[in-house]
Amino acid sequence: MKIKDILHIKTIISMTELRRNPRAVIKTAEALPVAVLNRSKLTLYVFSAEAYEALIDWVDDASLIQTIKARRSSKPIKIDLNDL
């Protein structure tokens, strides 16, 4: 699953709908995330384990990219193998 698929919310439901039929919401969330509103305010997202894992991988990759960019601009340190 790609990050653009995870962030593409097509289904918005109320908290009442979630309480009435949570299984239906879970089934819907298997395909694409579902936004849940409580009193017309966005409260939570429901998405599959696969989507969650893809999102965590994406966040980890973004963090790693930042680390790489930061280290590219730093000066290299010379180390003598005999000192190790």
PDB file of N, CA and C in Angstrom:
ATOM      1  N   MET A   1       0.850  -1.180   0.000  1.00  0.00           N
ATOM      2  CA  MET A   1       0.000   0.000   0.000  1.00  0.00           C
ATOM      3  C   MET A   1       0.889   1.233   0.000  1.00  0.00           C
ATOM      4  N   LYS A   2       0.541   2.218  -0.821  1.00  0.00           N
ATOM      5  CA  LYS A   2       1.330   3.430  -0.953  1.00  0.00           C
ATOM      6  C   LYS A   2       0.773   4.521  -0.052  1.00  0.00           C
ATOM      7  N   ILE A   3       1.646   5.460   0.327  1.00  0.00           N
ATOM      8  CA  ILE A   3       1.242   6.531   1.236  1.00  0.00           C
ATOM      9  C   ILE A   3       0.091   7.348   0.656  1.00  0.00           C
ATOM     10  N   LYS A   4       0.080   7.559  -0.662  1.00  0.00           N
ATOM     11  CA  LYS A   4      -1.010   8.340  -1.251  1.00  0.00           C
ATOM     12  C   LYS A   4      -2.346   7.633  -1.078  1.00  0.00           C
ATOM     13  N   ASP A   5      -2.335   6.300  -1.040  1.00  0.00           N
ATOM     14  CA  ASP A   5      -3.565   5.551  -0.816  1.00  0.00           C
ATOM     15  C   ASP A   5      -4.037   5.681   0.630  1.00  0.00           C
ATOM     16  N   ILE A   6      -3.082   5.714   1.544  1.00  0.00           N
ATOM     17  CA  ILE A   6      -3.434   5.827   2.963  1.00  0.00           C
ATOM     18  C   ILE A   6      -4.057   7.187   3.251  1.00  0.00           C
ATOM     19  N   LEU A   7      -3.493   8.224   2.655  1.00  0.00           N
ATOM     20  CA  LEU A   7      -3.943   9.581   2.956  1.00  0.00           C
ATOM     21  C   LEU A   7      -5.154  10.010   2.137  1.00  0.00           C
ATOM     22  N   HIS A   8      -5.606   9.164   1.228  1.00  0.00           N
ATOM     23  CA  HIS A   8      -6.741   9.502   0.378  1.00  0.00           C
ATOM     24  C   HIS A   8      -8.024   9.063   1.075  1.00  0.00           C
ATOM     25  N   ILE A   9      -8.602   9.961   1.856  1.00  0.00           N
ATOM     26  CA  ILE A   9      -9.807   9.647   2.621  1.00  0.00           C
ATOM     27  C   ILE A   9     -11.033   9.913   1.743  1.00  0.00           C
ATOM     28  N   LYS A  10     -11.802   8.870   1.483  1.00  0.00           N
ATOM     29  CA  LYS A  10     -13.028   9.023   0.702  1.00  0.00           C
ATOM     30  C   LYS A  10     -14.266   8.886   1.566  1.00  0.00           C
ATOM     31  N   THR A  11     -14.133   8.197   2.673  1.00  0.00           N
ATOM     32  CA  THR A  11     -15.299   7.900   3.506  1.00  0.00           C
ATOM     33  C   THR A  11     -15.225   8.670   4.813  1.00  0.00           C
ATOM     34  N   ILE A  12     -16.279   9.403   5.096  1.00  0.00           N
ATOM     35  CA  ILE A  12     -16.387  10.132   6.352  1.00  0.00           C
ATOM     36  C   ILE A  12     -17.688   9.688   7.012  1.00  0.00           C
ATOM     37  N   ILE A  13     -17.579   9.295   8.277  1.00  0.00           N
ATOM     38  CA  ILE A  13     -18.762   8.831   9.004  1.00  0.00           C
ATOM     39  C   ILE A  13     -18.847   9.546  10.345  1.00  0.00           C
ATOM     40  N   SER A  14     -19.981   9.412  10.978  1.00  0.00           N
ATOM     41  CA  SER A  14     -20.161   9.990  12.312  1.00  0.00           C
ATOM     42  C   SER A  14     -19.808   8.949  13.375  1.00  0.00           C
ATOM     43  N   MET A  15     -19.601   9.439  14.566  1.00  0.00           N
ATOM     44  CA  MET A  15     -19.331   8.547  15.696  1.00  0.00           C
ATOM     45  C   MET A  15     -20.525   7.627  15.923  1.00  0.00           C
ATOM     46  N   THR A  16     -21.718   8.135  15.689  1.00  0.00           N
ATOM     47  CA  THR A  16     -22.931   7.326  15.835  1.00  0.00           C
ATOM     48  C   THR A  16     -22.912   6.142  14.875  1.00  0.00           C
ATOM     49  N   GLU A  17     -22.503   6.385  13.625  1.00  0.00           N
ATOM     50  CA  GLU A  17     -22.414   5.282  12.658  1.00  0.00           C
ATOM     51  C   GLU A  17     -21.384   4.252  13.100  1.00  0.00           C
ATOM     52  N   LEU A  18     -20.282   4.725  13.645  1.00  0.00           N
ATOM     53  CA  LEU A  18     -19.247   3.805  14.138  1.00  0.00           C
ATOM     54  C   LEU A  18     -19.788   2.944  15.269  1.00  0.00           C
ATOM     55  N   ARG A  19     -20.529   3.550  16.178  1.00  0.00           N
ATOM     56  CA  ARG A  19     -21.104   2.789  17.297  1.00  0.00           C
ATOM     57  C   ARG A  19     -22.149   1.776  16.819  1.00  0.00           C
ATOM     58  N   ARG A  20     -22.943   2.174  15.836  1.00  0.00           N
ATOM     59  CA  ARG A  20     -24.017   1.298  15.343  1.00  0.00           C
ATOM     60  C   ARG A  20     -23.486   0.061  14.636  1.00  0.00           C
ATOM     61  N   ASN A  21     -22.437   0.244  13.822  1.00  0.00           N
ATOM     62  CA  ASN A  21     -21.974  -0.874  13.019  1.00  0.00           C
ATOM     63  C   ASN A  21     -20.448  -0.829  12.842  1.00  0.00           C
ATOM     64  N   PRO A  22     -19.718  -1.119  13.915  1.00  0.00           N
ATOM     65  CA  PRO A  22     -18.255  -1.046  13.822  1.00  0.00           C
ATOM     66  C   PRO A  22     -17.662  -2.026  12.814  1.00  0.00           C
ATOM     67  N   ARG A  23     -18.274  -3.177  12.642  1.00  0.00           N
ATOM     68  CA  ARG A  23     -17.743  -4.157  11.678  1.00  0.00           C
ATOM     69  C   ARG A  23     -17.787  -3.622  10.259  1.00  0.00           C
ATOM     70  N   ALA A  24     -18.836  -2.914   9.917  1.00  0.00           N
ATOM     71  CA  ALA A  24     -18.948  -2.331   8.576  1.00  0.00           C
ATOM     72  C   ALA A  24     -17.862  -1.282   8.358  1.00  0.00           C
ATOM     73  N   VAL A  25     -17.586  -0.513   9.392  1.00  0.00           N
ATOM     74  CA  VAL A  25     -16.534   0.506   9.290  1.00  0.00           C
ATOM     75  C   VAL A  25     -15.176  -0.161   9.105  1.00  0.00           C
ATOM     76  N   ILE A  26     -14.924  -1.208   9.861  1.00  0.00           N
ATOM     77  CA  ILE A  26     -13.658  -1.946   9.731  1.00  0.00           C
ATOM     78  C   ILE A  26     -13.529  -2.527   8.336  1.00  0.00           C
ATOM     79  N   LYS A  27     -14.605  -3.079   7.812  1.00  0.00           N
ATOM     80  CA  LYS A  27     -14.572  -3.647   6.463  1.00  0.00           C
ATOM     81  C   LYS A  27     -14.271  -2.558   5.433  1.00  0.00           C
ATOM     82  N   THR A  28     -14.883  -1.406   5.587  1.00  0.00           N
ATOM     83  CA  THR A  28     -14.625  -0.280   4.683  1.00  0.00           C
ATOM     84  C   THR A  28     -13.178   0.162   4.784  1.00  0.00           C
ATOM     85  N   ALA A  29     -12.652   0.197   6.002  1.00  0.00           N
ATOM     86  CA  ALA A  29     -11.282   0.666   6.243  1.00  0.00           C
ATOM     87  C   ALA A  29     -10.224  -0.294   5.713  1.00  0.00           C
ATOM     88  N   GLU A  30     -10.615  -1.513   5.387  1.00  0.00           N
ATOM     89  CA  GLU A  30      -9.655  -2.445   4.798  1.00  0.00           C
ATOM     90  C   GLU A  30      -9.183  -1.953   3.440  1.00  0.00           C
ATOM     91  N   ALA A  31     -10.053  -1.241   2.718  1.00  0.00           N
ATOM     92  CA  ALA A  31      -9.713  -0.734   1.388  1.00  0.00           C
ATOM     93  C   ALA A  31      -9.059   0.643   1.481  1.00  0.00           C
ATOM     94  N   LEU A  32      -9.709   1.559   2.154  1.00  0.00           N
ATOM     95  CA  LEU A  32      -9.199   2.921   2.326  1.00  0.00           C
ATOM     96  C   LEU A  32      -9.567   3.425   3.717  1.00  0.00           C
ATOM     97  N   PRO A  33      -8.761   4.322   4.278  1.00  0.00           N
ATOM     98  CA  PRO A  33      -9.057   4.849   5.612  1.00  0.00           C
ATOM     99  C   PRO A  33     -10.419   5.540   5.684  1.00  0.00           C
ATOM    100  N   VAL A  34     -10.954   5.547   6.890  1.00  0.00           N
ATOM    101  CA  VAL A  34     -12.240   6.170   7.166  1.00  0.00           C
ATOM    102  C   VAL A  34     -12.008   7.266   8.202  1.00  0.00           C
ATOM    103  N   ALA A  35     -12.533   8.457   7.929  1.00  0.00           N
ATOM    104  CA  ALA A  35     -12.477   9.552   8.898  1.00  0.00           C
ATOM    105  C   ALA A  35     -13.749   9.503   9.730  1.00  0.00           C
ATOM    106  N   VAL A  36     -13.599   9.680  11.046  1.00  0.00           N
ATOM    107  CA  VAL A  36     -14.747   9.640  11.947  1.00  0.00           C
ATOM    108  C   VAL A  36     -14.922  11.018  12.581  1.00  0.00           C
ATOM    109  N   LEU A  37     -16.144  11.546  12.478  1.00  0.00           N
ATOM    110  CA  LEU A  37     -16.470  12.848  13.046  1.00  0.00           C
ATOM    111  C   LEU A  37     -17.279  12.673  14.323  1.00  0.00           C
ATOM    112  N   ASN A  38     -16.979  13.499  15.296  1.00  0.00           N
ATOM    113  CA  ASN A  38     -17.762  13.555  16.522  1.00  0.00           C
ATOM    114  C   ASN A  38     -18.235  14.992  16.657  1.00  0.00           C
ATOM    115  N   ARG A  39     -19.544  15.194  16.554  1.00  0.00           N
ATOM    116  CA  ARG A  39     -20.128  16.537  16.580  1.00  0.00           C
ATOM    117  C   ARG A  39     -19.501  17.432  15.517  1.00  0.00           C
ATOM    118  N   SER A  40     -19.386  16.888  14.322  1.00  0.00           N
ATOM    119  CA  SER A  40     -18.857  17.582  13.141  1.00  0.00           C
ATOM    120  C   SER A  40     -17.384  17.956  13.252  1.00  0.00           C
ATOM    121  N   LYS A  41     -16.690  17.362  14.186  1.00  0.00           N
ATOM    122  CA  LYS A  41     -15.259  17.622  14.337  1.00  0.00           C
ATOM    123  C   LYS A  41     -14.505  16.313  14.090  1.00  0.00           C
ATOM    124  N   LEU A  42     -13.473  16.381  13.258  1.00  0.00           N
ATOM    125  CA  LEU A  42     -12.676  15.189  12.982  1.00  0.00           C
ATOM    126  C   LEU A  42     -12.066  14.672  14.283  1.00  0.00           C
ATOM    127  N   THR A  43     -12.343  13.402  14.569  1.00  0.00           N
ATOM    128  CA  THR A  43     -11.918  12.816  15.831  1.00  0.00           C
ATOM    129  C   THR A  43     -10.853  11.744  15.650  1.00  0.00           C
ATOM    130  N   LEU A  44     -11.042  10.886  14.658  1.00  0.00           N
ATOM    131  CA  LEU A  44     -10.077   9.808  14.456  1.00  0.00           C
ATOM    132  C   LEU A  44     -10.165   9.261  13.052  1.00  0.00           C
ATOM    133  N   TYR A  45      -9.131   8.496  12.717  1.00  0.00           N
ATOM    134  CA  TYR A  45      -9.097   7.772  11.455  1.00  0.00           C
ATOM    135  C   TYR A  45      -9.084   6.284  11.771  1.00  0.00           C
ATOM    136  N   VAL A  46      -9.755   5.510  10.951  1.00  0.00           N
ATOM    137  CA  VAL A  46      -9.733   4.059  11.071  1.00  0.00           C
ATOM    138  C   VAL A  46      -9.117   3.532   9.781  1.00  0.00           C
ATOM    139  N   PHE A  47      -8.038   2.759   9.934  1.00  0.00           N
ATOM    140  CA  PHE A  47      -7.432   2.153   8.756  1.00  0.00           C
ATOM    141  C   PHE A  47      -6.857   0.804   9.104  1.00  0.00           C
ATOM    142  N   SER A  48      -6.571   0.040   8.068  1.00  0.00           N
ATOM    143  CA  SER A  48      -6.142  -1.345   8.246  1.00  0.00           C
ATOM    144  C   SER A  48      -4.733  -1.419   8.842  1.00  0.00           C
ATOM    145  N   ALA A  49      -4.390  -2.593   9.336  1.00  0.00           N
ATOM    146  CA  ALA A  49      -3.044  -2.827   9.856  1.00  0.00           C
ATOM    147  C   ALA A  49      -2.012  -2.646   8.745  1.00  0.00           C
ATOM    148  N   GLU A  50      -2.363  -3.088   7.545  1.00  0.00           N
ATOM    149  CA  GLU A  50      -1.457  -2.937   6.401  1.00  0.00           C
ATOM    150  C   GLU A  50      -1.177  -1.455   6.122  1.00  0.00           C
ATOM    151  N   ALA A  51      -2.227  -0.632   6.174  1.00  0.00           N
ATOM    152  CA  ALA A  51      -2.056   0.802   5.950  1.00  0.00           C
ATOM    153  C   ALA A  51      -1.220   1.427   7.063  1.00  0.00           C
ATOM    154  N   TYR A  52      -1.446   1.002   8.307  1.00  0.00           N
ATOM    155  CA  TYR A  52      -0.673   1.513   9.440  1.00  0.00           C
ATOM    156  C   TYR A  52       0.807   1.176   9.274  1.00  0.00           C
ATOM    157  N   GLU A  53       1.094  -0.048   8.918  1.00  0.00           N
ATOM    158  CA  GLU A  53       2.490  -0.463   8.733  1.00  0.00           C
ATOM    159  C   GLU A  53       3.149   0.311   7.596  1.00  0.00           C
ATOM    160  N   ALA A  54       2.414   0.545   6.506  1.00  0.00           N
ATOM    161  CA  ALA A  54       2.951   1.334   5.389  1.00  0.00           C
ATOM    162  C   ALA A  54       3.218   2.765   5.822  1.00  0.00           C
ATOM    163  N   LEU A  55       2.335   3.310   6.629  1.00  0.00           N
ATOM    164  CA  LEU A  55       2.516   4.675   7.134  1.00  0.00           C
ATOM    165  C   LEU A  55       3.744   4.767   8.036  1.00  0.00           C
ATOM    166  N   ILE A  56       3.926   3.799   8.908  1.00  0.00           N
ATOM    167  CA  ILE A  56       5.099   3.781   9.796  1.00  0.00           C
ATOM    168  C   ILE A  56       6.373   3.640   8.967  1.00  0.00           C
ATOM    169  N   ASP A  57       6.361   2.786   7.949  1.00  0.00           N
ATOM    170  CA  ASP A  57       7.529   2.649   7.067  1.00  0.00           C
ATOM    171  C   ASP A  57       7.849   3.977   6.388  1.00  0.00           C
ATOM    172  N   TRP A  58       6.817   4.678   5.928  1.00  0.00           N
ATOM    173  CA  TRP A  58       7.012   5.961   5.259  1.00  0.00           C
ATOM    174  C   TRP A  58       7.618   6.985   6.211  1.00  0.00           C
ATOM    175  N   VAL A  59       7.127   7.027   7.444  1.00  0.00           N
ATOM    176  CA  VAL A  59       7.670   7.956   8.441  1.00  0.00           C
ATOM    177  C   VAL A  59       9.127   7.611   8.745  1.00  0.00           C
ATOM    178  N   ASP A  60       9.434   6.335   8.890  1.00  0.00           N
ATOM    179  CA  ASP A  60      10.818   5.908   9.127  1.00  0.00           C
ATOM    180  C   ASP A  60      11.728   6.308   7.968  1.00  0.00           C
ATOM    181  N   ASP A  61      11.250   6.115   6.742  1.00  0.00           N
ATOM    182  CA  ASP A  61      12.033   6.483   5.563  1.00  0.00           C
ATOM    183  C   ASP A  61      12.279   7.987   5.518  1.00  0.00           C
ATOM    184  N   ALA A  62      11.259   8.770   5.814  1.00  0.00           N
ATOM    185  CA  ALA A  62      11.401  10.227   5.811  1.00  0.00           C
ATOM    186  C   ALA A  62      12.414  10.674   6.860  1.00  0.00           C
ATOM    187  N   SER A  63      12.388  10.048   8.026  1.00  0.00           N
ATOM    188  CA  SER A  63      13.353  10.365   9.076  1.00  0.00           C
ATOM    189  C   SER A  63      14.772  10.006   8.646  1.00  0.00           C
ATOM    190  N   LEU A  64      14.920   8.855   8.012  1.00  0.00           N
ATOM    191  CA  LEU A  64      16.227   8.426   7.537  1.00  0.00           C
ATOM    192  C   LEU A  64      16.766   9.379   6.471  1.00  0.00           C
ATOM    193  N   ILE A  65      15.904   9.839   5.590  1.00  0.00           N
ATOM    194  CA  ILE A  65      16.318  10.795   4.562  1.00  0.00           C
ATOM    195  C   ILE A  65      16.834  12.081   5.202  1.00  0.00           C
ATOM    196  N   GLN A  66      16.155  12.557   6.232  1.00  0.00           N
ATOM    197  CA  GLN A  66      16.616  13.765   6.938  1.00  0.00           C
ATOM    198  C   GLN A  66      17.987  13.541   7.563  1.00  0.00           C
ATOM    199  N   THR A  67      18.203  12.380   8.158  1.00  0.00           N
ATOM    200  CA  THR A  67      19.489  12.061   8.765  1.00  0.00           C
ATOM    201  C   THR A  67      20.586  12.032   7.712  1.00  0.00           C
ATOM    202  N   ILE A  68      20.318  11.417   6.580  1.00  0.00           N
ATOM    203  CA  ILE A  68      21.297  11.336   5.495  1.00  0.00           C
ATOM    204  C   ILE A  68      21.650  12.726   4.991  1.00  0.00           C
ATOM    205  N   LYS A  69      20.643  13.568   4.782  1.00  0.00           N
ATOM    206  CA  LYS A  69      20.900  14.928   4.303  1.00  0.00           C
ATOM    207  C   LYS A  69      21.730  15.723   5.307  1.00  0.00           C
ATOM    208  N   ALA A  70      21.455  15.560   6.580  1.00  0.00           N
ATOM    209  CA  ALA A  70      22.208  16.270   7.609  1.00  0.00           C
ATOM    210  C   ALA A  70      23.664  15.809   7.643  1.00  0.00           C
ATOM    211  N   ARG A  71      23.862  14.524   7.470  1.00  0.00           N
ATOM    212  CA  ARG A  71      25.233  13.989   7.524  1.00  0.00           C
ATOM    213  C   ARG A  71      26.026  14.318   6.264  1.00  0.00           C
ATOM    214  N   ARG A  72      25.383  14.511   5.150  1.00  0.00           N
ATOM    215  CA  ARG A  72      26.077  14.874   3.919  1.00  0.00           C
ATOM    216  C   ARG A  72      26.774  16.221   4.049  1.00  0.00           C
ATOM    217  N   SER A  73      26.179  17.125   4.783  1.00  0.00           N
ATOM    218  CA  SER A  73      26.734  18.472   4.898  1.00  0.00           C
ATOM    219  C   SER A  73      27.814  18.580   5.984  1.00  0.00           C
ATOM    220  N   SER A  74      27.975  17.542   6.785  1.00  0.00           N
ATOM    221  CA  SER A  74      28.999  17.592   7.834  1.00  0.00           C
ATOM    222  C   SER A  74      30.361  17.164   7.284  1.00  0.00           C
ATOM    223  N   LYS A  75      31.405  17.590   7.974  1.00  0.00           N
ATOM    224  CA  LYS A  75      32.763  17.253   7.544  1.00  0.00           C
ATOM    225  C   LYS A  75      33.080  15.814   7.925  1.00  0.00           C
ATOM    226  N   PRO A  76      33.754  15.092   7.028  1.00  0.00           N
ATOM    227  CA  PRO A  76      34.130  13.708   7.362  1.00  0.00           C
ATOM    228  C   PRO A  76      35.202  13.681   8.453  1.00  0.00           C
ATOM    229  N   ILE A  77      35.198  12.639   9.227  1.00  0.00           N
ATOM    230  CA  ILE A  77      36.185  12.460  10.292  1.00  0.00           C
ATOM    231  C   ILE A  77      37.117  11.331   9.864  1.00  0.00           C
ATOM    232  N   LYS A  78      38.407  11.635   9.855  1.00  0.00           N
ATOM    233  CA  LYS A  78      39.391  10.607   9.492  1.00  0.00           C
ATOM    234  C   LYS A  78      39.720   9.783  10.717  1.00  0.00           C
ATOM    235  N   ILE A  79      39.709   8.474  10.526  1.00  0.00           N
ATOM    236  CA  ILE A  79      40.004   7.540  11.623  1.00  0.00           C
ATOM    237  C   ILE A  79      41.103   6.597  11.163  1.00  0.00           C
ATOM    238  N   ASP A  80      42.068   6.413  12.014  1.00  0.00           N
ATOM    239  CA  ASP A  80      43.140   5.455  11.732  1.00  0.00           C
ATOM    240  C   ASP A  80      42.692   4.100  12.294  1.00  0.00           C
ATOM    241  N   LEU A  81      42.703   3.085  11.481  1.00  0.00           N
ATOM    242  CA  LEU A  81      42.269   1.764  11.912  1.00  0.00           C
ATOM    243  C   LEU A  81      43.103   1.232  13.082  1.00  0.00           C
ATOM    244  N   ASN A  82      44.334   1.667  13.196  1.00  0.00           N
ATOM    245  CA  ASN A  82      45.188   1.233  14.296  1.00  0.00           C
ATOM    246  C   ASN A  82      44.721   1.804  15.638  1.00  0.00           C
ATOM    247  N   ASP A  83      43.960   2.903  15.592  1.00  0.00           N
ATOM    248  CA  ASP A  83      43.454   3.515  16.835  1.00  0.00           C
ATOM    249  C   ASP A  83      42.221   2.806  17.368  1.00  0.00           C
ATOM    250  N   LEU A  84      41.637   1.924  16.572  1.00  0.00           N
ATOM    251  CA  LEU A  84      40.418   1.248  17.003  1.00  0.00           C
ATOM    252  C   LEU A  84      40.670   0.123  17.919  1.00  0.00           C
TER     253      LEU A  84
END
